[in-house]
N, C-alpha and C. Protein backbone atom coordinates (compact mmCIF):
# COMPACT_ATOMS: atom_id res chain seq x y z
N MET A 1 0.85 -1.17 0.00
CA MET A 1 0.00 0.00 0.00
C MET A 1 0.90 1.23 0.00
N ASP A 2 0.56 2.17 -0.87
CA ASP A 2 1.31 3.41 -0.91
C ASP A 2 0.37 4.57 -0.54
N ASN A 3 0.89 5.79 -0.63
CA ASN A 3 0.09 6.97 -0.24
C ASN A 3 -1.13 7.17 -1.13
N ILE A 4 -1.06 6.76 -2.38
CA ILE A 4 -2.23 6.89 -3.27
C ILE A 4 -3.33 5.92 -2.83
N ASP A 5 -2.94 4.67 -2.52
CA ASP A 5 -3.92 3.71 -2.00
C ASP A 5 -4.55 4.25 -0.72
N LEU A 6 -3.72 4.78 0.16
CA LEU A 6 -4.20 5.33 1.42
C LEU A 6 -5.17 6.49 1.17
N ALA A 7 -4.83 7.36 0.25
CA ALA A 7 -5.72 8.48 -0.07
C ALA A 7 -7.05 7.96 -0.63
N LEU A 8 -6.98 6.93 -1.45
CA LEU A 8 -8.21 6.34 -2.00
C LEU A 8 -9.10 5.77 -0.91
N ILE A 9 -8.53 4.97 -0.01
CA ILE A 9 -9.39 4.37 1.01
C ILE A 9 -9.89 5.41 2.00
N LYS A 10 -9.13 6.47 2.24
CA LYS A 10 -9.63 7.55 3.10
C LYS A 10 -10.86 8.19 2.45
N GLN A 11 -10.78 8.45 1.14
CA GLN A 11 -11.91 9.04 0.42
C GLN A 11 -13.12 8.10 0.43
N MET A 12 -12.87 6.83 0.15
CA MET A 12 -13.97 5.86 0.08
C MET A 12 -14.58 5.60 1.45
N GLN A 13 -13.76 5.67 2.49
CA GLN A 13 -14.25 5.42 3.84
C GLN A 13 -15.21 6.52 4.29
N THR A 14 -14.96 7.75 3.88
CA THR A 14 -15.84 8.85 4.29
C THR A 14 -17.10 8.91 3.45
N SER A 15 -17.03 8.47 2.18
CA SER A 15 -18.21 8.45 1.33
C SER A 15 -17.97 7.50 0.17
N ALA A 16 -18.66 6.37 0.20
CA ALA A 16 -18.47 5.34 -0.82
C ALA A 16 -19.22 5.65 -2.11
N ASP A 17 -19.96 6.75 -2.16
CA ASP A 17 -20.75 7.02 -3.36
C ASP A 17 -20.07 8.00 -4.32
N HIS A 18 -18.78 8.29 -4.10
CA HIS A 18 -18.05 9.10 -5.07
C HIS A 18 -17.94 8.32 -6.38
N SER A 19 -18.09 9.01 -7.48
CA SER A 19 -17.89 8.36 -8.77
C SER A 19 -16.41 8.06 -8.96
N LEU A 20 -16.12 7.16 -9.88
CA LEU A 20 -14.73 6.83 -10.19
C LEU A 20 -13.99 8.09 -10.66
N ALA A 21 -14.66 8.91 -11.46
CA ALA A 21 -14.05 10.15 -11.94
C ALA A 21 -13.71 11.08 -10.77
N GLU A 22 -14.63 11.19 -9.81
CA GLU A 22 -14.40 12.05 -8.65
C GLU A 22 -13.26 11.52 -7.79
N LEU A 23 -13.25 10.22 -7.54
CA LEU A 23 -12.17 9.61 -6.75
C LEU A 23 -10.81 9.84 -7.41
N SER A 24 -10.75 9.57 -8.71
CA SER A 24 -9.47 9.72 -9.40
C SER A 24 -9.00 11.17 -9.39
N ARG A 25 -9.94 12.12 -9.51
CA ARG A 25 -9.59 13.54 -9.45
C ARG A 25 -9.07 13.91 -8.06
N ARG A 26 -9.71 13.40 -7.02
CA ARG A 26 -9.33 13.75 -5.65
C ARG A 26 -7.95 13.22 -5.28
N VAL A 27 -7.57 12.06 -5.81
CA VAL A 27 -6.25 11.50 -5.47
C VAL A 27 -5.19 11.77 -6.54
N GLY A 28 -5.60 12.35 -7.66
CA GLY A 28 -4.64 12.78 -8.66
C GLY A 28 -4.12 11.70 -9.59
N ILE A 29 -4.97 10.73 -9.92
CA ILE A 29 -4.58 9.68 -10.87
C ILE A 29 -5.68 9.52 -11.91
N SER A 30 -5.39 8.76 -12.98
CA SER A 30 -6.38 8.53 -14.03
C SER A 30 -7.49 7.61 -13.51
N LYS A 31 -8.63 7.63 -14.21
CA LYS A 31 -9.74 6.74 -13.84
C LYS A 31 -9.33 5.27 -13.93
N THR A 32 -8.57 4.93 -14.98
CA THR A 32 -8.13 3.55 -15.16
C THR A 32 -7.23 3.11 -14.01
N ALA A 33 -6.27 3.95 -13.65
CA ALA A 33 -5.36 3.62 -12.54
C ALA A 33 -6.15 3.52 -11.23
N CYS A 34 -7.10 4.39 -11.05
CA CYS A 34 -7.94 4.38 -9.85
C CYS A 34 -8.73 3.08 -9.78
N TRP A 35 -9.38 2.72 -10.89
CA TRP A 35 -10.18 1.49 -10.94
C TRP A 35 -9.29 0.27 -10.66
N ASN A 36 -8.10 0.24 -11.26
CA ASN A 36 -7.18 -0.89 -11.05
C ASN A 36 -6.77 -1.01 -9.58
N ARG A 37 -6.49 0.12 -8.95
CA ARG A 37 -6.11 0.11 -7.54
C ARG A 37 -7.25 -0.39 -6.66
N ILE A 38 -8.46 0.08 -6.92
CA ILE A 38 -9.62 -0.36 -6.14
C ILE A 38 -9.83 -1.86 -6.31
N GLN A 39 -9.74 -2.34 -7.55
CA GLN A 39 -9.90 -3.78 -7.80
C GLN A 39 -8.85 -4.59 -7.05
N ARG A 40 -7.60 -4.13 -7.08
CA ARG A 40 -6.52 -4.82 -6.40
C ARG A 40 -6.78 -4.86 -4.89
N MET A 41 -7.22 -3.74 -4.32
CA MET A 41 -7.48 -3.70 -2.88
C MET A 41 -8.68 -4.58 -2.50
N GLU A 42 -9.65 -4.71 -3.39
CA GLU A 42 -10.77 -5.63 -3.15
C GLU A 42 -10.28 -7.08 -3.18
N GLU A 43 -9.45 -7.40 -4.17
CA GLU A 43 -8.90 -8.76 -4.29
C GLU A 43 -8.03 -9.12 -3.09
N GLN A 44 -7.33 -8.15 -2.54
CA GLN A 44 -6.48 -8.37 -1.37
C GLN A 44 -7.29 -8.45 -0.07
N GLY A 45 -8.56 -8.13 -0.13
CA GLY A 45 -9.40 -8.16 1.06
C GLY A 45 -9.30 -6.90 1.91
N LEU A 46 -8.65 -5.88 1.39
CA LEU A 46 -8.55 -4.61 2.11
C LEU A 46 -9.88 -3.87 2.07
N ILE A 47 -10.51 -3.86 0.91
CA ILE A 47 -11.86 -3.29 0.76
C ILE A 47 -12.83 -4.47 0.77
N LEU A 48 -13.69 -4.50 1.77
CA LEU A 48 -14.61 -5.63 1.94
C LEU A 48 -15.93 -5.42 1.21
N GLY A 49 -16.27 -4.20 0.90
CA GLY A 49 -17.53 -3.90 0.23
C GLY A 49 -17.91 -2.46 0.45
N LYS A 50 -19.05 -2.10 -0.07
CA LYS A 50 -19.58 -0.74 0.07
C LYS A 50 -21.01 -0.86 0.57
N GLN A 51 -21.33 -0.10 1.61
CA GLN A 51 -22.65 -0.20 2.23
C GLN A 51 -23.25 1.17 2.41
N VAL A 52 -24.56 1.19 2.59
CA VAL A 52 -25.28 2.40 2.91
C VAL A 52 -25.48 2.43 4.42
N LEU A 53 -25.18 3.55 5.06
CA LEU A 53 -25.40 3.69 6.49
C LEU A 53 -26.82 4.19 6.71
N LEU A 54 -27.54 3.51 7.58
CA LEU A 54 -28.92 3.86 7.87
C LEU A 54 -29.03 4.46 9.26
N SER A 55 -30.01 5.32 9.45
CA SER A 55 -30.27 5.90 10.76
C SER A 55 -31.17 4.96 11.56
N ARG A 56 -30.63 4.40 12.62
CA ARG A 56 -31.45 3.49 13.43
C ARG A 56 -32.61 4.24 14.07
N TYR A 57 -32.42 5.51 14.39
CA TYR A 57 -33.50 6.31 14.98
C TYR A 57 -34.65 6.48 13.98
N ALA A 58 -34.31 6.84 12.75
CA ALA A 58 -35.35 7.04 11.73
C ALA A 58 -36.08 5.74 11.43
N LEU A 59 -35.42 4.60 11.69
CA LEU A 59 -36.03 3.30 11.44
C LEU A 59 -36.70 2.71 12.67
N GLY A 60 -36.78 3.50 13.74
CA GLY A 60 -37.49 3.07 14.94
C GLY A 60 -36.72 2.12 15.83
N LEU A 61 -35.40 2.09 15.70
CA LEU A 61 -34.57 1.22 16.54
C LEU A 61 -33.94 2.08 17.64
N GLN A 62 -34.74 2.41 18.62
CA GLN A 62 -34.36 3.38 19.64
C GLN A 62 -33.46 2.82 20.73
N VAL A 63 -33.48 1.50 20.95
CA VAL A 63 -32.80 0.89 22.09
C VAL A 63 -31.53 0.17 21.66
N VAL A 64 -30.44 0.48 22.36
CA VAL A 64 -29.18 -0.24 22.18
C VAL A 64 -28.86 -0.91 23.51
N VAL A 65 -28.59 -2.21 23.43
CA VAL A 65 -28.30 -3.00 24.62
C VAL A 65 -26.95 -3.68 24.44
N PHE A 66 -26.17 -3.69 25.51
CA PHE A 66 -24.93 -4.44 25.53
C PHE A 66 -25.15 -5.63 26.47
N LEU A 67 -25.08 -6.81 25.91
CA LEU A 67 -25.34 -8.03 26.65
C LEU A 67 -24.02 -8.76 26.86
N SER A 68 -23.64 -8.92 28.12
CA SER A 68 -22.43 -9.66 28.47
C SER A 68 -22.82 -11.08 28.81
N ILE A 69 -22.08 -12.03 28.25
CA ILE A 69 -22.37 -13.44 28.48
C ILE A 69 -21.11 -14.12 29.01
N THR A 70 -21.28 -14.88 30.07
CA THR A 70 -20.21 -15.70 30.62
C THR A 70 -20.58 -17.15 30.38
N VAL A 71 -19.60 -17.92 29.95
CA VAL A 71 -19.87 -19.33 29.64
C VAL A 71 -19.02 -20.22 30.52
N GLY A 72 -19.48 -21.46 30.68
CA GLY A 72 -18.77 -22.42 31.52
C GLY A 72 -17.71 -23.19 30.78
N ARG A 73 -17.91 -23.38 29.49
CA ARG A 73 -16.93 -24.13 28.71
C ARG A 73 -16.67 -23.40 27.39
N HIS A 74 -15.48 -23.57 26.90
CA HIS A 74 -15.07 -22.85 25.70
C HIS A 74 -14.65 -23.81 24.59
N SER A 75 -15.39 -24.88 24.43
CA SER A 75 -15.03 -25.87 23.42
C SER A 75 -15.29 -25.32 22.02
N ILE A 76 -14.64 -25.91 21.06
CA ILE A 76 -14.83 -25.51 19.66
C ILE A 76 -16.28 -25.75 19.25
N ASP A 77 -16.87 -26.84 19.71
CA ASP A 77 -18.27 -27.12 19.40
C ASP A 77 -19.19 -26.03 19.94
N TRP A 78 -18.95 -25.60 21.18
CA TRP A 78 -19.77 -24.54 21.77
C TRP A 78 -19.65 -23.25 20.96
N VAL A 79 -18.41 -22.89 20.63
CA VAL A 79 -18.18 -21.65 19.87
C VAL A 79 -18.86 -21.73 18.51
N ASP A 80 -18.76 -22.86 17.82
CA ASP A 80 -19.42 -23.01 16.51
C ASP A 80 -20.93 -22.85 16.64
N LYS A 81 -21.50 -23.47 17.67
CA LYS A 81 -22.95 -23.35 17.89
C LYS A 81 -23.33 -21.91 18.22
N PHE A 82 -22.53 -21.26 19.07
CA PHE A 82 -22.77 -19.87 19.44
C PHE A 82 -22.75 -18.96 18.22
N ILE A 83 -21.77 -19.13 17.36
CA ILE A 83 -21.67 -18.33 16.14
C ILE A 83 -22.91 -18.55 15.28
N ALA A 84 -23.33 -19.79 15.13
CA ALA A 84 -24.54 -20.09 14.34
C ALA A 84 -25.77 -19.44 14.95
N VAL A 85 -25.86 -19.42 16.27
CA VAL A 85 -27.02 -18.80 16.93
C VAL A 85 -27.03 -17.29 16.72
N VAL A 86 -25.89 -16.62 16.97
CA VAL A 86 -25.89 -15.16 16.84
C VAL A 86 -26.13 -14.72 15.40
N GLU A 87 -25.75 -15.55 14.43
CA GLU A 87 -26.02 -15.22 13.03
C GLU A 87 -27.51 -15.26 12.70
N GLN A 88 -28.31 -15.95 13.52
CA GLN A 88 -29.76 -16.05 13.29
C GLN A 88 -30.51 -14.77 13.64
N PHE A 89 -29.89 -13.91 14.43
CA PHE A 89 -30.59 -12.74 14.97
C PHE A 89 -30.06 -11.44 14.36
N PRO A 90 -30.84 -10.79 13.50
CA PRO A 90 -30.38 -9.52 12.94
C PRO A 90 -30.28 -8.41 13.99
N GLU A 91 -30.94 -8.59 15.13
CA GLU A 91 -30.85 -7.60 16.21
C GLU A 91 -29.44 -7.50 16.77
N ILE A 92 -28.68 -8.59 16.66
CA ILE A 92 -27.29 -8.61 17.15
C ILE A 92 -26.43 -8.01 16.04
N VAL A 93 -25.90 -6.82 16.28
CA VAL A 93 -25.12 -6.14 15.24
C VAL A 93 -23.61 -6.25 15.45
N GLU A 94 -23.19 -6.62 16.67
CA GLU A 94 -21.77 -6.85 16.94
C GLU A 94 -21.64 -7.94 17.98
N VAL A 95 -20.59 -8.74 17.87
CA VAL A 95 -20.25 -9.76 18.86
C VAL A 95 -18.75 -9.74 19.04
N HIS A 96 -18.32 -9.69 20.30
CA HIS A 96 -16.89 -9.69 20.61
C HIS A 96 -16.60 -10.76 21.65
N ARG A 97 -15.53 -11.54 21.43
CA ARG A 97 -15.02 -12.43 22.47
C ARG A 97 -14.02 -11.61 23.26
N LEU A 98 -14.11 -11.67 24.58
CA LEU A 98 -13.33 -10.80 25.45
C LEU A 98 -12.28 -11.58 26.22
N THR A 99 -11.31 -10.84 26.71
CA THR A 99 -10.33 -11.39 27.63
C THR A 99 -10.38 -10.56 28.90
N GLY A 100 -9.84 -11.09 29.96
CA GLY A 100 -9.83 -10.36 31.22
C GLY A 100 -10.95 -10.82 32.14
N GLU A 101 -11.14 -10.06 33.17
CA GLU A 101 -12.12 -10.40 34.19
C GLU A 101 -13.53 -10.06 33.73
N GLY A 102 -14.46 -10.89 34.09
CA GLY A 102 -15.85 -10.61 33.75
C GLY A 102 -16.35 -11.51 32.65
N ALA A 103 -17.09 -10.95 31.74
CA ALA A 103 -17.77 -11.71 30.69
C ALA A 103 -16.80 -12.26 29.65
N ASP A 104 -17.27 -13.31 28.97
CA ASP A 104 -16.50 -13.92 27.89
C ASP A 104 -16.87 -13.34 26.53
N TYR A 105 -18.14 -12.90 26.40
CA TYR A 105 -18.64 -12.36 25.13
C TYR A 105 -19.45 -11.11 25.39
N GLN A 106 -19.35 -10.16 24.49
CA GLN A 106 -20.12 -8.92 24.55
C GLN A 106 -20.91 -8.80 23.24
N LEU A 107 -22.22 -8.65 23.35
CA LEU A 107 -23.08 -8.50 22.18
C LEU A 107 -23.68 -7.10 22.19
N LYS A 108 -23.70 -6.48 21.03
CA LYS A 108 -24.40 -5.21 20.86
C LYS A 108 -25.69 -5.51 20.10
N ILE A 109 -26.80 -5.11 20.69
CA ILE A 109 -28.11 -5.44 20.17
C ILE A 109 -28.91 -4.16 19.97
N VAL A 110 -29.60 -4.05 18.84
CA VAL A 110 -30.49 -2.91 18.60
C VAL A 110 -31.92 -3.42 18.47
N CYS A 111 -32.83 -2.71 19.11
CA CYS A 111 -34.25 -3.10 19.14
C CYS A 111 -35.12 -1.85 19.14
N PRO A 112 -36.37 -2.00 18.74
CA PRO A 112 -37.28 -0.85 18.78
C PRO A 112 -37.72 -0.46 20.19
N SER A 113 -37.71 -1.42 21.14
CA SER A 113 -38.22 -1.11 22.49
C SER A 113 -37.63 -2.09 23.50
N ILE A 114 -37.82 -1.75 24.78
CA ILE A 114 -37.40 -2.65 25.85
C ILE A 114 -38.21 -3.95 25.78
N ASP A 115 -39.49 -3.85 25.48
CA ASP A 115 -40.32 -5.05 25.35
C ASP A 115 -39.80 -5.97 24.25
N SER A 116 -39.41 -5.39 23.13
CA SER A 116 -38.89 -6.23 22.04
C SER A 116 -37.54 -6.84 22.44
N TYR A 117 -36.74 -6.11 23.22
CA TYR A 117 -35.49 -6.69 23.71
C TYR A 117 -35.77 -7.86 24.63
N ASP A 118 -36.75 -7.71 25.51
CA ASP A 118 -37.10 -8.79 26.43
C ASP A 118 -37.50 -10.06 25.65
N LEU A 119 -38.31 -9.90 24.62
CA LEU A 119 -38.69 -11.05 23.79
C LEU A 119 -37.47 -11.66 23.10
N PHE A 120 -36.61 -10.81 22.57
CA PHE A 120 -35.38 -11.26 21.93
C PHE A 120 -34.53 -12.07 22.91
N GLN A 121 -34.33 -11.52 24.12
CA GLN A 121 -33.48 -12.17 25.10
C GLN A 121 -34.04 -13.54 25.49
N GLN A 122 -35.35 -13.65 25.61
CA GLN A 122 -35.96 -14.95 25.95
C GLN A 122 -35.69 -15.98 24.85
N LYS A 123 -35.74 -15.56 23.60
CA LYS A 123 -35.40 -16.48 22.49
C LYS A 123 -33.94 -16.90 22.56
N LEU A 124 -33.06 -15.92 22.82
CA LEU A 124 -31.63 -16.19 22.87
C LEU A 124 -31.29 -17.15 24.01
N ILE A 125 -31.90 -16.93 25.17
CA ILE A 125 -31.63 -17.77 26.33
C ILE A 125 -31.92 -19.24 26.03
N GLY A 126 -32.95 -19.48 25.24
CA GLY A 126 -33.31 -20.85 24.89
C GLY A 126 -32.37 -21.51 23.90
N LYS A 127 -31.48 -20.76 23.30
CA LYS A 127 -30.64 -21.31 22.24
C LYS A 127 -29.17 -21.50 22.60
N ILE A 128 -28.72 -20.88 23.69
CA ILE A 128 -27.30 -21.01 24.03
C ILE A 128 -27.12 -21.49 25.46
N ASP A 129 -26.00 -22.16 25.70
CA ASP A 129 -25.63 -22.64 27.02
C ASP A 129 -24.68 -21.60 27.63
N PHE A 130 -25.06 -21.02 28.77
CA PHE A 130 -24.26 -19.97 29.39
C PHE A 130 -24.31 -20.09 30.90
N THR A 131 -23.39 -19.42 31.57
CA THR A 131 -23.35 -19.41 33.03
C THR A 131 -24.09 -18.21 33.58
N SER A 132 -23.84 -17.03 32.97
CA SER A 132 -24.55 -15.82 33.41
C SER A 132 -24.63 -14.82 32.27
N MET A 133 -25.60 -13.91 32.42
CA MET A 133 -25.81 -12.81 31.47
C MET A 133 -25.97 -11.53 32.26
N SER A 134 -25.52 -10.44 31.66
CA SER A 134 -25.69 -9.12 32.26
C SER A 134 -26.04 -8.15 31.15
N THR A 135 -27.12 -7.39 31.36
CA THR A 135 -27.59 -6.46 30.35
C THR A 135 -27.31 -5.02 30.78
N LYS A 136 -26.78 -4.24 29.85
CA LYS A 136 -26.59 -2.81 30.06
C LYS A 136 -27.29 -2.09 28.91
N ILE A 137 -28.12 -1.12 29.25
CA ILE A 137 -28.87 -0.37 28.24
C ILE A 137 -28.20 0.98 28.04
N SER A 138 -27.94 1.31 26.80
CA SER A 138 -27.33 2.59 26.47
C SER A 138 -28.35 3.70 26.65
N LEU A 139 -27.99 4.72 27.42
CA LEU A 139 -28.87 5.87 27.61
C LEU A 139 -28.69 6.90 26.49
N LYS A 140 -27.45 7.04 26.03
CA LYS A 140 -27.18 8.01 24.96
C LYS A 140 -25.93 7.57 24.21
N GLN A 141 -26.03 7.57 22.90
CA GLN A 141 -24.87 7.26 22.05
C GLN A 141 -24.08 8.54 21.86
N ILE A 142 -22.85 8.53 22.27
CA ILE A 142 -22.03 9.73 22.21
C ILE A 142 -21.18 9.76 20.94
N LYS A 143 -20.70 8.61 20.51
CA LYS A 143 -19.91 8.53 19.28
C LYS A 143 -20.29 7.26 18.55
N ASP A 144 -20.43 7.36 17.25
CA ASP A 144 -20.72 6.21 16.40
C ASP A 144 -19.99 6.44 15.08
N SER A 145 -18.90 5.74 14.88
CA SER A 145 -18.10 5.95 13.69
C SER A 145 -17.69 4.63 13.08
N TYR A 146 -17.75 4.57 11.78
CA TYR A 146 -17.23 3.43 11.05
C TYR A 146 -15.89 3.76 10.41
N LEU A 147 -15.41 4.97 10.65
CA LEU A 147 -14.13 5.38 10.10
C LEU A 147 -13.00 4.76 10.92
N LEU A 148 -12.13 4.02 10.26
CA LEU A 148 -11.00 3.41 10.94
C LEU A 148 -9.84 4.39 11.01
N PRO A 149 -9.06 4.37 12.09
CA PRO A 149 -7.88 5.24 12.15
C PRO A 149 -6.81 4.72 11.19
N LEU A 150 -6.33 5.57 10.32
CA LEU A 150 -5.40 5.12 9.27
C LEU A 150 -4.04 5.81 9.32
N SER A 151 -3.81 6.70 10.29
CA SER A 151 -2.57 7.47 10.31
C SER A 151 -1.33 6.59 10.43
N HIS A 152 -1.46 5.41 11.02
CA HIS A 152 -0.29 4.52 11.16
C HIS A 152 0.15 3.96 9.81
N LEU A 153 -0.66 4.14 8.77
CA LEU A 153 -0.32 3.63 7.44
C LEU A 153 0.36 4.68 6.56
N GLU A 154 0.40 5.92 7.03
CA GLU A 154 0.96 6.99 6.22
C GLU A 154 2.46 6.77 6.05
N ILE A 155 2.89 6.92 4.81
CA ILE A 155 4.29 6.69 4.48
C ILE A 155 4.95 8.04 4.27
N GLU A 156 6.07 8.23 4.94
CA GLU A 156 6.80 9.49 4.77
C GLU A 156 7.56 9.43 3.45
N ILE A 157 7.34 10.43 2.64
CA ILE A 157 8.06 10.54 1.38
C ILE A 157 9.21 11.51 1.57
N LYS A 158 10.41 11.03 1.26
CA LYS A 158 11.61 11.88 1.45
C LYS A 158 12.15 12.32 0.14
């Protein structure tokens, strides 16, 4: 990756709907070179896709819940089953396996209401084997960004 690739992904990360002509103009290369670079970065798995960001508020998804789960066993079979279960629920938008004291897994869940979360949680409880669960409800979202920090990739040109 060079500075042109970095400039391209910075532009695409902030707005994926720029035309090829606009992207190439912004980074100072031809449309063909721009297209070739984007294709190469997609093939390398650097660019995973392009998505539209939706407003959860406008769509009536007012509640964000962080569900911590502690498990008794960490077998490969359990993890495979757990992954299959969380993939069944579109309400689960993030899942993290954790280290340190406390929970083993952290789930971020979005729902239209507390009642809908309660129904969701009852379904989830019936599908996974766990030791304990702890729910935290977000009162206010202070930051929500899909922009990744990229400054560590900047190459000094001498």
